[in-house]
Amino acid sequence: MNGEQLVVFLVIGGVAGWLAGLIMKGGGFGIVGSIVVGVVGAVLGGWIFQVLGISIGGEWMGPLVTATAGAVVLLFVIGLIRKKS
């Protein structure tokens, strides 16, 4: 992964984490928190979409939708775990 790809990955992760926070009404996580949520969401979303056989194309939109969906699932699961504690 070169420098440009890393920057794109982090930007998409940050936007996805921010969008997931808005969707889940979890508030802001800050820049670093949004990037972390988005990057973990990208991995989770990629896995979920692969298992379900879903493929979203596009240079920016596909990865953003995948990362956002994964981040929403991540925040949902974290919310369930917090309620049980």
PDB file of N, CA and C in Angstrom:
ATOM      1  N   MET A   1       0.853  -1.169   0.000  1.00  0.00           N
ATOM      2  CA  MET A   1       0.000   0.000   0.000  1.00  0.00           C
ATOM      3  C   MET A   1       0.899   1.231   0.000  1.00  0.00           C
ATOM      4  N   ASN A   2       0.703   2.070  -1.008  1.00  0.00           N
ATOM      5  CA  ASN A   2       1.526   3.272  -1.074  1.00  0.00           C
ATOM      6  C   ASN A   2       0.871   4.401  -0.263  1.00  0.00           C
ATOM      7  N   GLY A   3       1.523   5.545  -0.226  1.00  0.00           N
ATOM      8  CA  GLY A   3       1.049   6.659   0.579  1.00  0.00           C
ATOM      9  C   GLY A   3      -0.321   7.162   0.173  1.00  0.00           C
ATOM     10  N   GLU A   4      -0.548   7.249  -1.134  1.00  0.00           N
ATOM     11  CA  GLU A   4      -1.844   7.736  -1.622  1.00  0.00           C
ATOM     12  C   GLU A   4      -2.964   6.790  -1.229  1.00  0.00           C
ATOM     13  N   GLN A   5      -2.750   5.490  -1.358  1.00  0.00           N
ATOM     14  CA  GLN A   5      -3.761   4.509  -0.990  1.00  0.00           C
ATOM     15  C   GLN A   5      -4.052   4.567   0.510  1.00  0.00           C
ATOM     16  N   LEU A   6      -3.022   4.775   1.302  1.00  0.00           N
ATOM     17  CA  LEU A   6      -3.200   4.874   2.748  1.00  0.00           C
ATOM     18  C   LEU A   6      -4.056   6.085   3.109  1.00  0.00           C
ATOM     19  N   VAL A   7      -3.786   7.213   2.483  1.00  0.00           N
ATOM     20  CA  VAL A   7      -4.565   8.421   2.745  1.00  0.00           C
ATOM     21  C   VAL A   7      -6.026   8.206   2.351  1.00  0.00           C
ATOM     22  N   VAL A   8      -6.268   7.616   1.187  1.00  0.00           N
ATOM     23  CA  VAL A   8      -7.635   7.350   0.741  1.00  0.00           C
ATOM     24  C   VAL A   8      -8.330   6.411   1.716  1.00  0.00           C
ATOM     25  N   PHE A   9      -7.629   5.370   2.159  1.00  0.00           N
ATOM     26  CA  PHE A   9      -8.172   4.411   3.113  1.00  0.00           C
ATOM     27  C   PHE A   9      -8.567   5.103   4.410  1.00  0.00           C
ATOM     28  N   LEU A  10      -7.710   5.987   4.916  1.00  0.00           N
ATOM     29  CA  LEU A  10      -7.992   6.688   6.161  1.00  0.00           C
ATOM     30  C   LEU A  10      -9.128   7.702   6.000  1.00  0.00           C
ATOM     31  N   VAL A  11      -9.179   8.379   4.858  1.00  0.00           N
ATOM     32  CA  VAL A  11     -10.261   9.336   4.614  1.00  0.00           C
ATOM     33  C   VAL A  11     -11.602   8.603   4.534  1.00  0.00           C
ATOM     34  N   ILE A  12     -11.649   7.519   3.783  1.00  0.00           N
ATOM     35  CA  ILE A  12     -12.891   6.746   3.686  1.00  0.00           C
ATOM     36  C   ILE A  12     -13.269   6.198   5.062  1.00  0.00           C
ATOM     37  N   GLY A  13     -12.297   5.714   5.809  1.00  0.00           N
ATOM     38  CA  GLY A  13     -12.570   5.231   7.165  1.00  0.00           C
ATOM     39  C   GLY A  13     -13.115   6.322   8.066  1.00  0.00           C
ATOM     40  N   GLY A  14     -12.532   7.503   7.991  1.00  0.00           N
ATOM     41  CA  GLY A  14     -13.002   8.613   8.810  1.00  0.00           C
ATOM     42  C   GLY A  14     -14.410   9.042   8.461  1.00  0.00           C
ATOM     43  N   VAL A  15     -14.692   9.153   7.178  1.00  0.00           N
ATOM     44  CA  VAL A  15     -16.039   9.538   6.742  1.00  0.00           C
ATOM     45  C   VAL A  15     -17.039   8.452   7.120  1.00  0.00           C
ATOM     46  N   ALA A  16     -16.672   7.202   6.932  1.00  0.00           N
ATOM     47  CA  ALA A  16     -17.572   6.092   7.277  1.00  0.00           C
ATOM     48  C   ALA A  16     -17.853   6.062   8.778  1.00  0.00           C
ATOM     49  N   GLY A  17     -16.830   6.268   9.587  1.00  0.00           N
ATOM     50  CA  GLY A  17     -17.031   6.307  11.042  1.00  0.00           C
ATOM     51  C   GLY A  17     -17.917   7.463  11.463  1.00  0.00           C
ATOM     52  N   TRP A  18     -17.722   8.618  10.831  1.00  0.00           N
ATOM     53  CA  TRP A  18     -18.539   9.788  11.128  1.00  0.00           C
ATOM     54  C   TRP A  18     -19.995   9.536  10.737  1.00  0.00           C
ATOM     55  N   LEU A  19     -20.211   8.983   9.531  1.00  0.00           N
ATOM     56  CA  LEU A  19     -21.566   8.679   9.082  1.00  0.00           C
ATOM     57  C   LEU A  19     -22.242   7.650   9.990  1.00  0.00           C
ATOM     58  N   ALA A  20     -21.493   6.637  10.390  1.00  0.00           N
ATOM     59  CA  ALA A  20     -22.059   5.617  11.278  1.00  0.00           C
ATOM     60  C   ALA A  20     -22.458   6.227  12.612  1.00  0.00           C
ATOM     61  N   GLY A  21     -21.660   7.159  13.118  1.00  0.00           N
ATOM     62  CA  GLY A  21     -22.006   7.846  14.356  1.00  0.00           C
ATOM     63  C   GLY A  21     -23.299   8.639  14.216  1.00  0.00           C
ATOM     64  N   LEU A  22     -23.481   9.277  13.067  1.00  0.00           N
ATOM     65  CA  LEU A  22     -24.727  10.012  12.819  1.00  0.00           C
ATOM     66  C   LEU A  22     -25.916   9.068  12.705  1.00  0.00           C
ATOM     67  N   ILE A  23     -25.729   7.980  11.974  1.00  0.00           N
ATOM     68  CA  ILE A  23     -26.818   7.018  11.767  1.00  0.00           C
ATOM     69  C   ILE A  23     -27.238   6.375  13.087  1.00  0.00           C
ATOM     70  N   MET A  24     -26.266   6.021  13.906  1.00  0.00           N
ATOM     71  CA  MET A  24     -26.556   5.343  15.167  1.00  0.00           C
ATOM     72  C   MET A  24     -26.801   6.325  16.307  1.00  0.00           C
ATOM     73  N   LYS A  25     -26.752   7.606  16.025  1.00  0.00           N
ATOM     74  CA  LYS A  25     -26.961   8.656  17.014  1.00  0.00           C
ATOM     75  C   LYS A  25     -26.060   8.472  18.222  1.00  0.00           C
ATOM     76  N   GLY A  26     -24.825   8.057  17.942  1.00  0.00           N
ATOM     77  CA  GLY A  26     -23.871   7.831  19.012  1.00  0.00           C
ATOM     78  C   GLY A  26     -23.028   9.049  19.332  1.00  0.00           C
ATOM     79  N   GLY A  27     -23.238  10.100  18.605  1.00  0.00           N
ATOM     80  CA  GLY A  27     -22.451  11.295  18.848  1.00  0.00           C
ATOM     81  C   GLY A  27     -21.133  11.230  18.121  1.00  0.00           C
ATOM     82  N   GLY A  28     -20.302  12.193  18.376  1.00  0.00           N
ATOM     83  CA  GLY A  28     -19.010  12.262  17.716  1.00  0.00           C
ATOM     84  C   GLY A  28     -17.965  11.434  18.437  1.00  0.00           C
ATOM     85  N   PHE A  29     -17.053  10.920  17.677  1.00  0.00           N
ATOM     86  CA  PHE A  29     -15.966  10.128  18.237  1.00  0.00           C
ATOM     87  C   PHE A  29     -14.637  10.852  18.096  1.00  0.00           C
ATOM     88  N   GLY A  30     -14.646  12.018  17.505  1.00  0.00           N
ATOM     89  CA  GLY A  30     -13.407  12.708  17.193  1.00  0.00           C
ATOM     90  C   GLY A  30     -12.819  12.133  15.915  1.00  0.00           C
ATOM     91  N   ILE A  31     -11.803  12.761  15.421  1.00  0.00           N
ATOM     92  CA  ILE A  31     -11.212  12.327  14.152  1.00  0.00           C
ATOM     93  C   ILE A  31     -10.602  10.937  14.275  1.00  0.00           C
ATOM     94  N   VAL A  32      -9.800  10.725  15.295  1.00  0.00           N
ATOM     95  CA  VAL A  32      -9.129   9.423  15.451  1.00  0.00           C
ATOM     96  C   VAL A  32     -10.159   8.325  15.715  1.00  0.00           C
ATOM     97  N   GLY A  33     -11.144   8.596  16.564  1.00  0.00           N
ATOM     98  CA  GLY A  33     -12.176   7.609  16.852  1.00  0.00           C
ATOM     99  C   GLY A  33     -12.985   7.247  15.623  1.00  0.00           C
ATOM    100  N   SER A  34     -13.329   8.256  14.815  1.00  0.00           N
ATOM    101  CA  SER A  34     -14.081   7.996  13.591  1.00  0.00           C
ATOM    102  C   SER A  34     -13.270   7.160  12.615  1.00  0.00           C
ATOM    103  N   ILE A  35     -11.980   7.452  12.504  1.00  0.00           N
ATOM    104  CA  ILE A  35     -11.114   6.672  11.614  1.00  0.00           C
ATOM    105  C   ILE A  35     -11.041   5.225  12.086  1.00  0.00           C
ATOM    106  N   VAL A  36     -10.873   5.024  13.381  1.00  0.00           N
ATOM    107  CA  VAL A  36     -10.788   3.659  13.915  1.00  0.00           C
ATOM    108  C   VAL A  36     -12.092   2.909  13.680  1.00  0.00           C
ATOM    109  N   VAL A  37     -13.223   3.544  13.997  1.00  0.00           N
ATOM    110  CA  VAL A  37     -14.523   2.902  13.781  1.00  0.00           C
ATOM    111  C   VAL A  37     -14.717   2.598  12.295  1.00  0.00           C
ATOM    112  N   GLY A  38     -14.342   3.538  11.432  1.00  0.00           N
ATOM    113  CA  GLY A  38     -14.502   3.343   9.995  1.00  0.00           C
ATOM    114  C   GLY A  38     -13.607   2.253   9.430  1.00  0.00           C
ATOM    115  N   VAL A  39     -12.364   2.196   9.894  1.00  0.00           N
ATOM    116  CA  VAL A  39     -11.433   1.173   9.394  1.00  0.00           C
ATOM    117  C   VAL A  39     -11.872  -0.220   9.855  1.00  0.00           C
ATOM    118  N   VAL A  40     -12.233  -0.340  11.128  1.00  0.00           N
ATOM    119  CA  VAL A  40     -12.738  -1.639  11.613  1.00  0.00           C
ATOM    120  C   VAL A  40     -14.047  -1.973  10.901  1.00  0.00           C
ATOM    121  N   GLY A  41     -14.881  -0.958  10.684  1.00  0.00           N
ATOM    122  CA  GLY A  41     -16.124  -1.161   9.945  1.00  0.00           C
ATOM    123  C   GLY A  41     -15.888  -1.599   8.515  1.00  0.00           C
ATOM    124  N   ALA A  42     -14.834  -1.080   7.885  1.00  0.00           N
ATOM    125  CA  ALA A  42     -14.511  -1.482   6.515  1.00  0.00           C
ATOM    126  C   ALA A  42     -14.163  -2.968   6.456  1.00  0.00           C
ATOM    127  N   VAL A  43     -13.397  -3.427   7.416  1.00  0.00           N
ATOM    128  CA  VAL A  43     -13.033  -4.847   7.462  1.00  0.00           C
ATOM    129  C   VAL A  43     -14.279  -5.691   7.724  1.00  0.00           C
ATOM    130  N   LEU A  44     -15.072  -5.281   8.707  1.00  0.00           N
ATOM    131  CA  LEU A  44     -16.288  -6.013   9.048  1.00  0.00           C
ATOM    132  C   LEU A  44     -17.294  -5.981   7.899  1.00  0.00           C
ATOM    133  N   GLY A  45     -17.486  -4.811   7.308  1.00  0.00           N
ATOM    134  CA  GLY A  45     -18.419  -4.675   6.191  1.00  0.00           C
ATOM    135  C   GLY A  45     -17.986  -5.488   4.987  1.00  0.00           C
ATOM    136  N   GLY A  46     -16.682  -5.491   4.699  1.00  0.00           N
ATOM    137  CA  GLY A  46     -16.168  -6.299   3.594  1.00  0.00           C
ATOM    138  C   GLY A  46     -16.447  -7.777   3.805  1.00  0.00           C
ATOM    139  N   TRP A  47     -16.261  -8.227   5.045  1.00  0.00           N
ATOM    140  CA  TRP A  47     -16.515  -9.633   5.355  1.00  0.00           C
ATOM    141  C   TRP A  47     -18.009  -9.960   5.229  1.00  0.00           C
ATOM    142  N   ILE A  48     -18.860  -9.091   5.796  1.00  0.00           N
ATOM    143  CA  ILE A  48     -20.308  -9.319   5.746  1.00  0.00           C
ATOM    144  C   ILE A  48     -20.797  -9.323   4.298  1.00  0.00           C
ATOM    145  N   PHE A  49     -20.357  -8.341   3.510  1.00  0.00           N
ATOM    146  CA  PHE A  49     -20.801  -8.271   2.116  1.00  0.00           C
ATOM    147  C   PHE A  49     -20.325  -9.483   1.326  1.00  0.00           C
ATOM    148  N   GLN A  50     -19.123  -9.968   1.621  1.00  0.00           N
ATOM    149  CA  GLN A  50     -18.611 -11.141   0.919  1.00  0.00           C
ATOM    150  C   GLN A  50     -19.441 -12.373   1.269  1.00  0.00           C
ATOM    151  N   VAL A  51     -19.761 -12.534   2.553  1.00  0.00           N
ATOM    152  CA  VAL A  51     -20.565 -13.676   2.982  1.00  0.00           C
ATOM    153  C   VAL A  51     -21.952 -13.640   2.338  1.00  0.00           C
ATOM    154  N   LEU A  52     -22.526 -12.439   2.233  1.00  0.00           N
ATOM    155  CA  LEU A  52     -23.858 -12.299   1.659  1.00  0.00           C
ATOM    156  C   LEU A  52     -23.851 -12.238   0.134  1.00  0.00           C
ATOM    157  N   GLY A  53     -22.667 -12.178  -0.472  1.00  0.00           N
ATOM    158  CA  GLY A  53     -22.561 -12.122  -1.920  1.00  0.00           C
ATOM    159  C   GLY A  53     -22.922 -10.766  -2.505  1.00  0.00           C
ATOM    160  N   ILE A  54     -22.757  -9.722  -1.721  1.00  0.00           N
ATOM    161  CA  ILE A  54     -23.077  -8.369  -2.167  1.00  0.00           C
ATOM    162  C   ILE A  54     -21.813  -7.712  -2.693  1.00  0.00           C
ATOM    163  N   SER A  55     -21.918  -7.085  -3.848  1.00  0.00           N
ATOM    164  CA  SER A  55     -20.784  -6.377  -4.435  1.00  0.00           C
ATOM    165  C   SER A  55     -21.239  -4.992  -4.859  1.00  0.00           C
ATOM    166  N   ILE A  56     -20.584  -3.979  -4.324  1.00  0.00           N
ATOM    167  CA  ILE A  56     -20.905  -2.598  -4.679  1.00  0.00           C
ATOM    168  C   ILE A  56     -19.691  -2.017  -5.380  1.00  0.00           C
ATOM    169  N   GLY A  57     -19.880  -1.594  -6.602  1.00  0.00           N
ATOM    170  CA  GLY A  57     -18.786  -1.052  -7.392  1.00  0.00           C
ATOM    171  C   GLY A  57     -18.589   0.428  -7.149  1.00  0.00           C
ATOM    172  N   GLY A  58     -17.595   0.933  -7.795  1.00  0.00           N
ATOM    173  CA  GLY A  58     -17.300   2.356  -7.688  1.00  0.00           C
ATOM    174  C   GLY A  58     -15.973   2.583  -7.002  1.00  0.00           C
ATOM    175  N   GLU A  59     -15.317   3.618  -7.417  1.00  0.00           N
ATOM    176  CA  GLU A  59     -13.996   3.904  -6.867  1.00  0.00           C
ATOM    177  C   GLU A  59     -14.082   4.440  -5.442  1.00  0.00           C
ATOM    178  N   TRP A  60     -15.095   5.260  -5.172  1.00  0.00           N
ATOM    179  CA  TRP A  60     -15.261   5.843  -3.845  1.00  0.00           C
ATOM    180  C   TRP A  60     -16.520   5.348  -3.146  1.00  0.00           C
ATOM    181  N   MET A  61     -17.612   5.279  -3.893  1.00  0.00           N
ATOM    182  CA  MET A  61     -18.904   4.991  -3.277  1.00  0.00           C
ATOM    183  C   MET A  61     -18.987   3.565  -2.731  1.00  0.00           C
ATOM    184  N   GLY A  62     -18.480   2.589  -3.453  1.00  0.00           N
ATOM    185  CA  GLY A  62     -18.527   1.203  -2.994  1.00  0.00           C
ATOM    186  C   GLY A  62     -17.816   1.006  -1.662  1.00  0.00           C
ATOM    187  N   PRO A  63     -16.552   1.398  -1.578  1.00  0.00           N
ATOM    188  CA  PRO A  63     -15.858   1.262  -0.290  1.00  0.00           C
ATOM    189  C   PRO A  63     -16.500   2.079   0.832  1.00  0.00           C
ATOM    190  N   LEU A  64     -17.029   3.256   0.510  1.00  0.00           N
ATOM    191  CA  LEU A  64     -17.658   4.084   1.537  1.00  0.00           C
ATOM    192  C   LEU A  64     -18.929   3.428   2.068  1.00  0.00           C
ATOM    193  N   VAL A  65     -19.753   2.885   1.182  1.00  0.00           N
ATOM    194  CA  VAL A  65     -20.975   2.200   1.605  1.00  0.00           C
ATOM    195  C   VAL A  65     -20.629   0.961   2.428  1.00  0.00           C
ATOM    196  N   THR A  66     -19.645   0.204   1.971  1.00  0.00           N
ATOM    197  CA  THR A  66     -19.230  -1.007   2.683  1.00  0.00           C
ATOM    198  C   THR A  66     -18.705  -0.671   4.072  1.00  0.00           C
ATOM    199  N   ALA A  67     -17.830   0.320   4.162  1.00  0.00           N
ATOM    200  CA  ALA A  67     -17.249   0.711   5.448  1.00  0.00           C
ATOM    201  C   ALA A  67     -18.313   1.282   6.378  1.00  0.00           C
ATOM    202  N   THR A  68     -19.224   2.071   5.846  1.00  0.00           N
ATOM    203  CA  THR A  68     -20.283   2.653   6.676  1.00  0.00           C
ATOM    204  C   THR A  68     -21.202   1.566   7.206  1.00  0.00           C
ATOM    205  N   ALA A  69     -21.586   0.630   6.348  1.00  0.00           N
ATOM    206  CA  ALA A  69     -22.448  -0.472   6.791  1.00  0.00           C
ATOM    207  C   ALA A  69     -21.764  -1.287   7.884  1.00  0.00           C
ATOM    208  N   GLY A  70     -20.495  -1.584   7.693  1.00  0.00           N
ATOM    209  CA  GLY A  70     -19.754  -2.330   8.709  1.00  0.00           C
ATOM    210  C   GLY A  70     -19.618  -1.558  10.006  1.00  0.00           C
ATOM    211  N   ALA A  71     -19.403  -0.253   9.911  1.00  0.00           N
ATOM    212  CA  ALA A  71     -19.275   0.578  11.107  1.00  0.00           C
ATOM    213  C   ALA A  71     -20.596   0.663  11.862  1.00  0.00           C
ATOM    214  N   VAL A  72     -21.711   0.723  11.132  1.00  0.00           N
ATOM    215  CA  VAL A  72     -23.026   0.732  11.778  1.00  0.00           C
ATOM    216  C   VAL A  72     -23.237  -0.580  12.535  1.00  0.00           C
ATOM    217  N   VAL A  73     -22.905  -1.695  11.903  1.00  0.00           N
ATOM    218  CA  VAL A  73     -23.028  -2.996  12.571  1.00  0.00           C
ATOM    219  C   VAL A  73     -22.134  -3.031  13.812  1.00  0.00           C
ATOM    220  N   LEU A  74     -20.912  -2.530  13.685  1.00  0.00           N
ATOM    221  CA  LEU A  74     -19.981  -2.504  14.813  1.00  0.00           C
ATOM    222  C   LEU A  74     -20.551  -1.691  15.973  1.00  0.00           C
ATOM    223  N   LEU A  75     -21.057  -0.498  15.691  1.00  0.00           N
ATOM    224  CA  LEU A  75     -21.617   0.338  16.750  1.00  0.00           C
ATOM    225  C   LEU A  75     -22.868  -0.283  17.356  1.00  0.00           C
ATOM    226  N   PHE A  76     -23.660  -0.974  16.548  1.00  0.00           N
ATOM    227  CA  PHE A  76     -24.841  -1.661  17.055  1.00  0.00           C
ATOM    228  C   PHE A  76     -24.444  -2.754  18.047  1.00  0.00           C
ATOM    229  N   VAL A  77     -23.449  -3.560  17.673  1.00  0.00           N
ATOM    230  CA  VAL A  77     -22.992  -4.644  18.549  1.00  0.00           C
ATOM    231  C   VAL A  77     -22.384  -4.077  19.835  1.00  0.00           C
ATOM    232  N   ILE A  78     -21.598  -3.022  19.708  1.00  0.00           N
ATOM    233  CA  ILE A  78     -21.015  -2.393  20.901  1.00  0.00           C
ATOM    234  C   ILE A  78     -22.126  -1.873  21.808  1.00  0.00           C
ATOM    235  N   GLY A  79     -23.176  -1.286  21.214  1.00  0.00           N
ATOM    236  CA  GLY A  79     -24.315  -0.813  22.003  1.00  0.00           C
ATOM    237  C   GLY A  79     -25.015  -1.945  22.748  1.00  0.00           C
ATOM    238  N   LEU A  80     -25.146  -3.086  22.105  1.00  0.00           N
ATOM    239  CA  LEU A  80     -25.769  -4.248  22.771  1.00  0.00           C
ATOM    240  C   LEU A  80     -24.912  -4.722  23.940  1.00  0.00           C
ATOM    241  N   ILE A  81     -23.610  -4.746  23.746  1.00  0.00           N
ATOM    242  CA  ILE A  81     -22.703  -5.206  24.805  1.00  0.00           C
ATOM    243  C   ILE A  81     -22.735  -4.240  25.971  1.00  0.00           C
ATOM    244  N   ARG A  82     -22.766  -2.953  25.704  1.00  0.00           N
ATOM    245  CA  ARG A  82     -22.803  -1.954  26.778  1.00  0.00           C
ATOM    246  C   ARG A  82     -24.100  -2.042  27.586  1.00  0.00           C
ATOM    247  N   LYS A  83     -25.218  -2.342  26.929  1.00  0.00           N
ATOM    248  CA  LYS A  83     -26.493  -2.443  27.647  1.00  0.00           C
ATOM    249  C   LYS A  83     -26.511  -3.620  28.604  1.00  0.00           C
ATOM    250  N   LYS A  84     -25.819  -4.701  28.241  1.00  0.00           N
ATOM    251  CA  LYS A  84     -25.807  -5.891  29.085  1.00  0.00           C
ATOM    252  C   LYS A  84     -24.885  -5.724  30.293  1.00  0.00           C
ATOM    253  N   SER A  85     -23.932  -4.810  30.208  1.00  0.00           N
ATOM    254  CA  SER A  85     -22.973  -4.635  31.307  1.00  0.00           C
ATOM    255  C   SER A  85     -23.560  -3.880  32.454  1.00  0.00           C
TER     256      SER A  85
END
